[in-house]
N, C-alpha and C. Protein backbone atom coordinates (compact mmCIF):
# COMPACT_ATOMS: atom_id res chain seq x y z
N MET A 1 81.08 -3.35 -27.45
CA MET A 1 80.59 -2.36 -28.37
C MET A 1 79.09 -2.48 -28.54
N ALA A 2 78.57 -3.70 -28.51
CA ALA A 2 77.13 -3.91 -28.64
C ALA A 2 76.40 -3.31 -27.44
N GLU A 3 77.07 -3.36 -26.27
CA GLU A 3 76.44 -2.80 -25.07
C GLU A 3 76.28 -1.29 -25.20
N GLU A 4 77.26 -0.63 -25.80
CA GLU A 4 77.17 0.82 -25.98
C GLU A 4 76.01 1.18 -26.89
N GLN A 5 75.81 0.40 -27.92
CA GLN A 5 74.70 0.66 -28.84
C GLN A 5 73.36 0.48 -28.12
N THR A 6 73.29 -0.52 -27.27
CA THR A 6 72.05 -0.77 -26.54
C THR A 6 71.75 0.41 -25.62
N MET A 7 72.78 0.91 -24.96
CA MET A 7 72.59 2.04 -24.06
C MET A 7 72.11 3.27 -24.82
N THR A 8 72.68 3.53 -25.96
CA THR A 8 72.25 4.69 -26.73
C THR A 8 70.82 4.49 -27.22
N ASP A 9 70.48 3.26 -27.56
CA ASP A 9 69.12 2.97 -28.01
C ASP A 9 68.13 3.19 -26.86
N LEU A 10 68.50 2.77 -25.65
CA LEU A 10 67.61 2.95 -24.50
C LEU A 10 67.45 4.44 -24.18
N LYS A 11 68.52 5.21 -24.30
CA LYS A 11 68.42 6.65 -24.06
C LYS A 11 67.49 7.30 -25.07
N ASP A 12 67.63 6.88 -26.30
CA ASP A 12 66.75 7.41 -27.35
C ASP A 12 65.30 7.03 -27.05
N LEU A 13 65.12 5.80 -26.60
CA LEU A 13 63.76 5.33 -26.28
C LEU A 13 63.18 6.13 -25.12
N GLY A 14 64.01 6.42 -24.10
CA GLY A 14 63.57 7.22 -22.96
C GLY A 14 63.13 8.60 -23.39
N GLY A 15 63.86 9.21 -24.31
CA GLY A 15 63.48 10.53 -24.81
C GLY A 15 62.17 10.48 -25.57
N ALA A 16 61.94 9.39 -26.29
CA ALA A 16 60.69 9.26 -27.06
C ALA A 16 59.50 9.07 -26.13
N VAL A 17 59.71 8.36 -25.03
CA VAL A 17 58.61 8.10 -24.09
C VAL A 17 58.23 9.37 -23.34
N GLU A 18 59.21 10.21 -23.00
CA GLU A 18 58.92 11.44 -22.25
C GLU A 18 58.01 12.38 -23.02
N GLY A 19 58.08 12.36 -24.33
CA GLY A 19 57.27 13.27 -25.13
C GLY A 19 55.82 12.84 -25.27
N THR A 20 55.51 11.57 -25.00
CA THR A 20 54.13 11.08 -25.17
C THR A 20 53.32 11.32 -23.91
N VAL A 21 52.03 11.40 -24.09
CA VAL A 21 51.11 11.61 -22.97
C VAL A 21 50.45 10.28 -22.66
N ALA A 22 50.48 9.88 -21.41
CA ALA A 22 49.86 8.62 -21.00
C ALA A 22 48.34 8.78 -21.00
N PRO A 23 47.61 7.77 -21.47
CA PRO A 23 46.15 7.89 -21.46
C PRO A 23 45.61 7.92 -20.03
N ALA A 24 44.57 8.69 -19.83
CA ALA A 24 43.95 8.79 -18.50
C ALA A 24 43.31 7.45 -18.14
N THR A 25 43.31 7.13 -16.86
CA THR A 25 42.71 5.88 -16.44
C THR A 25 41.20 5.94 -16.66
N PRO A 26 40.66 4.95 -17.32
CA PRO A 26 39.22 4.99 -17.60
C PRO A 26 38.42 4.80 -16.32
N THR A 27 37.44 5.65 -16.11
CA THR A 27 36.56 5.52 -14.95
C THR A 27 35.27 4.84 -15.38
N ALA A 28 34.56 4.29 -14.44
CA ALA A 28 33.31 3.62 -14.75
C ALA A 28 32.31 4.65 -15.28
N PRO A 29 31.74 4.42 -16.45
CA PRO A 29 30.80 5.41 -16.99
C PRO A 29 29.51 5.44 -16.18
N LEU A 30 29.05 6.65 -15.91
CA LEU A 30 27.78 6.82 -15.21
C LEU A 30 26.66 6.44 -16.16
N ARG A 31 25.74 5.65 -15.69
CA ARG A 31 24.65 5.22 -16.56
C ARG A 31 23.77 6.39 -16.95
N GLU A 32 23.11 6.23 -18.09
CA GLU A 32 22.24 7.29 -18.58
C GLU A 32 20.86 7.19 -17.94
N LYS A 33 20.19 8.33 -17.88
CA LYS A 33 18.82 8.38 -17.40
C LYS A 33 17.92 7.82 -18.49
N ILE A 34 17.08 6.84 -18.14
CA ILE A 34 16.22 6.19 -19.13
C ILE A 34 14.77 6.52 -18.79
N VAL A 35 14.16 7.42 -19.59
CA VAL A 35 12.77 7.80 -19.37
C VAL A 35 12.02 7.77 -20.71
N ASP A 36 10.69 7.62 -20.65
CA ASP A 36 9.88 7.63 -21.86
C ASP A 36 9.41 9.04 -22.19
N LYS A 37 8.52 9.18 -23.16
CA LYS A 37 8.07 10.49 -23.61
C LYS A 37 7.30 11.25 -22.53
N GLN A 38 6.63 10.52 -21.62
CA GLN A 38 5.89 11.17 -20.54
C GLN A 38 6.78 11.49 -19.33
N GLY A 39 8.07 11.20 -19.42
CA GLY A 39 8.99 11.50 -18.32
C GLY A 39 8.97 10.46 -17.22
N ARG A 40 8.55 9.23 -17.55
CA ARG A 40 8.48 8.16 -16.56
C ARG A 40 9.60 7.15 -16.80
N ALA A 41 10.08 6.57 -15.72
CA ALA A 41 11.04 5.47 -15.82
C ALA A 41 10.28 4.17 -15.61
N TYR A 42 10.55 3.16 -16.45
CA TYR A 42 9.84 1.89 -16.40
C TYR A 42 10.78 0.77 -15.98
N ALA A 43 10.25 -0.16 -15.21
CA ALA A 43 11.02 -1.35 -14.84
C ALA A 43 10.07 -2.49 -14.52
N THR A 44 10.58 -3.70 -14.61
CA THR A 44 9.82 -4.89 -14.26
C THR A 44 10.42 -5.50 -13.01
N GLY A 45 9.57 -5.82 -12.04
CA GLY A 45 10.02 -6.45 -10.81
C GLY A 45 9.42 -7.84 -10.70
N ARG A 46 10.18 -8.78 -10.15
CA ARG A 46 9.68 -10.15 -10.01
C ARG A 46 10.00 -10.70 -8.63
N ARG A 47 9.09 -11.52 -8.11
CA ARG A 47 9.29 -12.22 -6.83
C ARG A 47 8.34 -13.40 -6.81
N LYS A 48 8.84 -14.59 -6.52
CA LYS A 48 8.06 -15.83 -6.55
C LYS A 48 7.33 -15.93 -7.89
N ASP A 49 6.00 -16.01 -7.90
CA ASP A 49 5.25 -16.07 -9.17
C ASP A 49 4.70 -14.72 -9.58
N ALA A 50 4.99 -13.67 -8.82
CA ALA A 50 4.43 -12.35 -9.09
C ALA A 50 5.33 -11.55 -10.04
N VAL A 51 4.69 -10.83 -10.95
CA VAL A 51 5.41 -9.95 -11.88
C VAL A 51 4.78 -8.57 -11.79
N ALA A 52 5.60 -7.55 -11.56
CA ALA A 52 5.11 -6.17 -11.42
C ALA A 52 5.71 -5.30 -12.52
N ARG A 53 4.85 -4.56 -13.20
CA ARG A 53 5.31 -3.55 -14.15
C ARG A 53 5.17 -2.21 -13.45
N VAL A 54 6.28 -1.46 -13.34
CA VAL A 54 6.31 -0.26 -12.50
C VAL A 54 6.76 0.94 -13.31
N TRP A 55 6.02 2.05 -13.17
CA TRP A 55 6.40 3.33 -13.75
C TRP A 55 6.60 4.33 -12.62
N VAL A 56 7.73 5.04 -12.66
CA VAL A 56 8.06 6.03 -11.63
C VAL A 56 8.23 7.39 -12.32
N LYS A 57 7.58 8.43 -11.74
CA LYS A 57 7.74 9.78 -12.26
C LYS A 57 7.73 10.76 -11.09
N PRO A 58 8.31 11.95 -11.26
CA PRO A 58 8.29 12.93 -10.17
C PRO A 58 6.86 13.32 -9.81
N GLY A 59 6.61 13.47 -8.52
CA GLY A 59 5.25 13.80 -8.08
C GLY A 59 5.18 14.02 -6.59
N THR A 60 4.04 13.63 -6.02
CA THR A 60 3.76 13.90 -4.61
C THR A 60 3.93 12.69 -3.71
N GLY A 61 4.30 11.55 -4.24
CA GLY A 61 4.49 10.35 -3.42
C GLY A 61 3.31 9.41 -3.46
N LYS A 62 2.41 9.56 -4.43
CA LYS A 62 1.24 8.69 -4.52
C LYS A 62 1.62 7.37 -5.18
N ILE A 63 1.27 6.26 -4.54
CA ILE A 63 1.57 4.94 -5.07
C ILE A 63 0.25 4.25 -5.42
N THR A 64 0.09 3.90 -6.70
CA THR A 64 -1.13 3.25 -7.18
C THR A 64 -0.76 1.87 -7.70
N ILE A 65 -1.47 0.85 -7.20
CA ILE A 65 -1.22 -0.52 -7.63
C ILE A 65 -2.51 -1.11 -8.18
N ASN A 66 -2.48 -1.54 -9.42
CA ASN A 66 -3.65 -2.09 -10.12
C ASN A 66 -4.85 -1.16 -10.03
N GLY A 67 -4.62 0.15 -10.15
CA GLY A 67 -5.70 1.14 -10.13
C GLY A 67 -6.20 1.49 -8.75
N ARG A 68 -5.64 0.89 -7.70
CA ARG A 68 -6.07 1.18 -6.34
C ARG A 68 -4.91 1.79 -5.55
N ASP A 69 -5.25 2.55 -4.51
CA ASP A 69 -4.25 3.17 -3.66
C ASP A 69 -3.51 2.08 -2.88
N GLN A 70 -2.27 2.37 -2.47
CA GLN A 70 -1.48 1.35 -1.77
C GLN A 70 -2.11 0.91 -0.45
N GLU A 71 -2.82 1.83 0.26
CA GLU A 71 -3.46 1.45 1.52
C GLU A 71 -4.60 0.46 1.29
N VAL A 72 -5.24 0.55 0.14
CA VAL A 72 -6.35 -0.36 -0.17
C VAL A 72 -5.82 -1.70 -0.66
N TYR A 73 -4.83 -1.66 -1.56
CA TYR A 73 -4.34 -2.91 -2.16
C TYR A 73 -3.51 -3.71 -1.16
N PHE A 74 -2.56 -3.06 -0.50
CA PHE A 74 -1.76 -3.73 0.53
C PHE A 74 -2.27 -3.26 1.88
N ALA A 75 -3.25 -3.97 2.43
CA ALA A 75 -3.88 -3.56 3.68
C ALA A 75 -2.94 -3.73 4.87
N ARG A 76 -2.04 -4.73 4.80
CA ARG A 76 -1.10 -4.95 5.91
C ARG A 76 -0.01 -3.89 5.90
N PRO A 77 0.25 -3.25 7.04
CA PRO A 77 1.29 -2.21 7.10
C PRO A 77 2.68 -2.73 6.73
N THR A 78 2.96 -4.00 7.03
CA THR A 78 4.29 -4.54 6.71
C THR A 78 4.53 -4.56 5.20
N LEU A 79 3.49 -4.84 4.43
CA LEU A 79 3.66 -4.86 2.97
C LEU A 79 3.87 -3.46 2.43
N ARG A 80 3.18 -2.48 3.01
CA ARG A 80 3.39 -1.08 2.59
C ARG A 80 4.80 -0.62 2.95
N LEU A 81 5.28 -1.09 4.12
CA LEU A 81 6.64 -0.77 4.54
C LEU A 81 7.65 -1.34 3.55
N VAL A 82 7.39 -2.55 3.05
CA VAL A 82 8.29 -3.21 2.10
C VAL A 82 8.41 -2.40 0.82
N ILE A 83 7.26 -1.95 0.26
CA ILE A 83 7.33 -1.27 -1.04
C ILE A 83 7.86 0.16 -0.92
N ASN A 84 7.90 0.73 0.28
CA ASN A 84 8.43 2.09 0.46
C ASN A 84 9.91 2.10 0.85
N GLN A 85 10.52 0.93 1.00
CA GLN A 85 11.92 0.85 1.42
C GLN A 85 12.90 1.59 0.50
N PRO A 86 12.79 1.47 -0.83
CA PRO A 86 13.77 2.18 -1.68
C PRO A 86 13.72 3.70 -1.51
N PHE A 87 12.53 4.25 -1.28
CA PHE A 87 12.41 5.70 -1.10
C PHE A 87 13.01 6.13 0.23
N GLY A 88 12.80 5.35 1.28
CA GLY A 88 13.37 5.66 2.59
C GLY A 88 14.89 5.58 2.58
N LEU A 89 15.41 4.58 1.88
CA LEU A 89 16.86 4.40 1.80
C LEU A 89 17.53 5.56 1.07
N THR A 90 16.92 6.02 -0.02
CA THR A 90 17.52 7.08 -0.84
C THR A 90 17.06 8.47 -0.43
N GLU A 91 16.26 8.57 0.64
CA GLU A 91 15.72 9.85 1.14
C GLU A 91 14.92 10.57 0.06
N ARG A 92 14.06 9.83 -0.62
CA ARG A 92 13.21 10.39 -1.68
C ARG A 92 11.72 10.18 -1.36
N VAL A 93 11.38 10.11 -0.08
CA VAL A 93 9.99 9.88 0.33
C VAL A 93 9.14 11.06 -0.09
N GLY A 94 8.05 10.79 -0.79
CA GLY A 94 7.13 11.83 -1.22
C GLY A 94 7.57 12.61 -2.44
N GLN A 95 8.60 12.17 -3.14
CA GLN A 95 9.08 12.90 -4.31
C GLN A 95 8.69 12.25 -5.64
N TYR A 96 8.25 10.99 -5.59
CA TYR A 96 7.92 10.28 -6.82
C TYR A 96 6.54 9.64 -6.73
N ASP A 97 5.82 9.67 -7.85
CA ASP A 97 4.57 8.94 -7.98
C ASP A 97 4.88 7.60 -8.62
N VAL A 98 4.20 6.55 -8.16
CA VAL A 98 4.43 5.21 -8.68
C VAL A 98 3.11 4.65 -9.18
N VAL A 99 3.13 4.13 -10.40
CA VAL A 99 1.98 3.40 -10.94
C VAL A 99 2.47 2.00 -11.26
N ALA A 100 1.82 0.98 -10.68
CA ALA A 100 2.26 -0.39 -10.88
C ALA A 100 1.09 -1.30 -11.20
N THR A 101 1.33 -2.28 -12.05
CA THR A 101 0.37 -3.35 -12.29
C THR A 101 1.05 -4.66 -11.91
N VAL A 102 0.36 -5.45 -11.09
CA VAL A 102 0.95 -6.69 -10.58
C VAL A 102 0.04 -7.86 -10.92
N LYS A 103 0.65 -8.97 -11.35
CA LYS A 103 -0.09 -10.20 -11.64
C LYS A 103 0.63 -11.37 -11.01
N GLY A 104 -0.14 -12.37 -10.62
CA GLY A 104 0.41 -13.63 -10.13
C GLY A 104 0.83 -13.59 -8.68
N GLY A 105 0.93 -14.78 -8.10
CA GLY A 105 1.42 -14.91 -6.73
C GLY A 105 0.44 -14.41 -5.70
N GLY A 106 0.91 -14.33 -4.45
CA GLY A 106 0.10 -13.81 -3.36
C GLY A 106 0.51 -12.38 -3.04
N LEU A 107 -0.07 -11.83 -2.00
CA LEU A 107 0.20 -10.44 -1.66
C LEU A 107 1.65 -10.21 -1.26
N SER A 108 2.25 -11.14 -0.53
CA SER A 108 3.64 -10.98 -0.11
C SER A 108 4.57 -10.99 -1.31
N GLY A 109 4.37 -11.92 -2.23
CA GLY A 109 5.18 -11.97 -3.44
C GLY A 109 4.97 -10.75 -4.31
N GLN A 110 3.74 -10.25 -4.35
CA GLN A 110 3.45 -9.06 -5.15
C GLN A 110 4.14 -7.83 -4.55
N ALA A 111 4.17 -7.75 -3.22
CA ALA A 111 4.87 -6.62 -2.58
C ALA A 111 6.36 -6.69 -2.88
N GLY A 112 6.93 -7.88 -2.87
CA GLY A 112 8.34 -8.04 -3.22
C GLY A 112 8.62 -7.68 -4.66
N ALA A 113 7.68 -8.01 -5.55
CA ALA A 113 7.84 -7.68 -6.96
C ALA A 113 7.77 -6.17 -7.18
N VAL A 114 6.84 -5.50 -6.47
CA VAL A 114 6.73 -4.04 -6.59
C VAL A 114 7.99 -3.38 -6.03
N LEU A 115 8.53 -3.88 -4.93
CA LEU A 115 9.78 -3.37 -4.36
C LEU A 115 10.90 -3.48 -5.39
N HIS A 116 11.03 -4.63 -6.01
CA HIS A 116 12.08 -4.85 -7.02
C HIS A 116 11.90 -3.90 -8.20
N GLY A 117 10.66 -3.73 -8.66
CA GLY A 117 10.39 -2.84 -9.78
C GLY A 117 10.65 -1.38 -9.45
N ILE A 118 10.24 -0.93 -8.25
CA ILE A 118 10.47 0.46 -7.84
C ILE A 118 11.97 0.74 -7.76
N ALA A 119 12.72 -0.19 -7.18
CA ALA A 119 14.17 0.01 -7.05
C ALA A 119 14.82 0.13 -8.42
N GLN A 120 14.42 -0.73 -9.36
CA GLN A 120 15.02 -0.67 -10.70
C GLN A 120 14.62 0.60 -11.43
N ALA A 121 13.34 0.97 -11.34
CA ALA A 121 12.88 2.19 -12.03
C ALA A 121 13.53 3.44 -11.43
N LEU A 122 13.72 3.44 -10.12
CA LEU A 122 14.35 4.59 -9.45
C LEU A 122 15.80 4.76 -9.93
N THR A 123 16.50 3.65 -10.10
CA THR A 123 17.89 3.74 -10.58
C THR A 123 17.94 4.15 -12.06
N ARG A 124 16.89 3.87 -12.80
CA ARG A 124 16.86 4.33 -14.19
C ARG A 124 16.54 5.81 -14.27
N PHE A 125 15.75 6.30 -13.32
CA PHE A 125 15.42 7.73 -13.30
C PHE A 125 16.59 8.54 -12.75
N GLU A 126 17.21 8.05 -11.68
CA GLU A 126 18.37 8.72 -11.08
C GLU A 126 19.52 7.71 -10.99
N PRO A 127 20.37 7.63 -12.03
CA PRO A 127 21.45 6.64 -12.03
C PRO A 127 22.43 6.77 -10.86
N ALA A 128 22.52 7.93 -10.25
CA ALA A 128 23.44 8.12 -9.13
C ALA A 128 23.00 7.33 -7.90
N LEU A 129 21.73 6.95 -7.83
CA LEU A 129 21.21 6.20 -6.68
C LEU A 129 21.50 4.71 -6.77
N ARG A 130 22.08 4.27 -7.87
CA ARG A 130 22.26 2.83 -8.10
C ARG A 130 23.11 2.16 -7.01
N SER A 131 24.22 2.78 -6.61
CA SER A 131 25.12 2.13 -5.65
C SER A 131 24.47 1.91 -4.28
N PRO A 132 23.77 2.90 -3.67
CA PRO A 132 23.16 2.58 -2.37
C PRO A 132 22.02 1.58 -2.47
N VAL A 133 21.26 1.65 -3.57
CA VAL A 133 20.14 0.71 -3.74
C VAL A 133 20.66 -0.70 -3.98
N LYS A 134 21.74 -0.81 -4.74
CA LYS A 134 22.33 -2.12 -5.00
C LYS A 134 22.96 -2.68 -3.73
N ALA A 135 23.59 -1.83 -2.94
CA ALA A 135 24.22 -2.28 -1.69
C ALA A 135 23.18 -2.81 -0.71
N ALA A 136 21.97 -2.24 -0.75
CA ALA A 136 20.89 -2.72 0.12
C ALA A 136 20.28 -4.01 -0.39
N GLY A 137 20.61 -4.41 -1.64
CA GLY A 137 20.12 -5.67 -2.19
C GLY A 137 18.77 -5.58 -2.86
N PHE A 138 18.30 -4.36 -3.17
CA PHE A 138 16.98 -4.21 -3.78
C PHE A 138 16.98 -4.47 -5.27
N LEU A 139 18.14 -4.45 -5.92
CA LEU A 139 18.19 -4.68 -7.37
C LEU A 139 18.31 -6.16 -7.71
N THR A 140 18.62 -6.97 -6.71
CA THR A 140 18.78 -8.40 -6.94
C THR A 140 17.42 -9.08 -6.92
N ARG A 141 17.15 -9.87 -7.95
CA ARG A 141 15.87 -10.60 -8.02
C ARG A 141 15.97 -11.79 -7.08
N ASP A 142 15.07 -11.85 -6.10
CA ASP A 142 15.05 -12.95 -5.14
C ASP A 142 14.48 -14.17 -5.86
N SER A 143 15.35 -15.13 -6.17
CA SER A 143 14.95 -16.24 -7.02
C SER A 143 14.29 -17.39 -6.26
N ARG A 144 14.13 -17.24 -4.95
CA ARG A 144 13.50 -18.33 -4.19
C ARG A 144 12.05 -18.51 -4.62
N ALA A 145 11.67 -19.75 -4.84
CA ALA A 145 10.30 -20.05 -5.25
C ALA A 145 9.86 -21.33 -4.55
N VAL A 146 8.59 -21.64 -4.65
CA VAL A 146 8.05 -22.84 -4.02
C VAL A 146 8.59 -24.07 -4.73
N GLU A 147 9.04 -25.05 -3.94
CA GLU A 147 9.57 -26.29 -4.50
C GLU A 147 8.41 -27.13 -5.04
N ARG A 148 8.64 -27.79 -6.17
CA ARG A 148 7.56 -28.56 -6.79
C ARG A 148 7.27 -29.84 -6.03
N LYS A 149 6.04 -30.32 -6.15
CA LYS A 149 5.63 -31.56 -5.51
C LYS A 149 6.21 -32.74 -6.27
N LYS A 150 6.72 -33.76 -5.51
CA LYS A 150 7.25 -34.96 -6.13
C LYS A 150 6.26 -36.11 -6.02
N TYR A 151 6.32 -37.01 -6.98
CA TYR A 151 5.43 -38.17 -6.93
C TYR A 151 5.84 -39.07 -5.77
N GLY A 152 4.86 -39.74 -5.18
CA GLY A 152 5.12 -40.59 -4.03
C GLY A 152 5.26 -39.82 -2.73
N LYS A 153 5.00 -38.52 -2.76
CA LYS A 153 5.09 -37.68 -1.57
C LYS A 153 3.80 -36.90 -1.41
N ALA A 154 3.47 -36.52 -0.15
CA ALA A 154 2.26 -35.76 0.10
C ALA A 154 2.44 -34.31 -0.37
N LYS A 155 3.64 -33.77 -0.15
CA LYS A 155 3.97 -32.42 -0.62
C LYS A 155 5.34 -32.50 -1.29
N ALA A 156 6.11 -31.43 -1.27
CA ALA A 156 7.42 -31.46 -1.92
C ALA A 156 8.36 -32.47 -1.26
N ARG A 157 8.35 -32.50 0.08
CA ARG A 157 9.23 -33.42 0.80
C ARG A 157 8.52 -34.29 1.82
N ARG A 158 7.33 -33.90 2.25
CA ARG A 158 6.60 -34.63 3.29
C ARG A 158 6.10 -35.96 2.75
N SER A 159 6.37 -37.02 3.53
CA SER A 159 5.89 -38.34 3.13
C SER A 159 4.49 -38.56 3.65
N PHE A 160 3.81 -39.54 3.08
CA PHE A 160 2.50 -39.93 3.60
C PHE A 160 2.69 -40.57 4.96
N GLN A 161 1.62 -40.54 5.77
CA GLN A 161 1.70 -41.11 7.10
C GLN A 161 1.98 -42.60 7.03
N PHE A 162 2.95 -43.03 7.82
CA PHE A 162 3.34 -44.45 7.80
C PHE A 162 2.32 -45.28 8.59
N SER A 163 1.94 -46.42 8.03
CA SER A 163 1.02 -47.31 8.70
C SER A 163 1.69 -48.68 8.85
N LYS A 164 1.82 -49.13 10.09
CA LYS A 164 2.48 -50.43 10.31
C LYS A 164 1.59 -51.58 9.85
N ARG A 165 0.28 -51.45 10.03
CA ARG A 165 -0.66 -52.49 9.60
C ARG A 165 -1.78 -51.92 8.78
């Protein structure tokens, strides 16, 4: 007799479940566009000891670093190629103006910092570009830095020249 009651209870439960609507599966929310009053997206890029503050806004593709044009500041073509990688990847070459200020490190580290800053600012301006830029590894801060010098050593790991006598 208890089994019959259980069966009727389950049937009643089945009828109650059919009337309810299952919640929709939550999808990943698309990030919001983050811009300031002038319509620029801001981001900070870092590489080695260099720190770059980068502003991206729609324009003609002009890149200014520390008040100078990119051809003047980064004279080596390889460094200019590095900082233009996010635009080439997202097919946005010549669509955004970039203003960046960079401090610290050498030219190679500064180019890496500007690359990191441009990639982050671009994803803040156009959140839909985040997945291809992230897949290329441009949003990841390259944490490699120079190893510190240890006492009793000529450099970080190099020993002083051995003298037998």
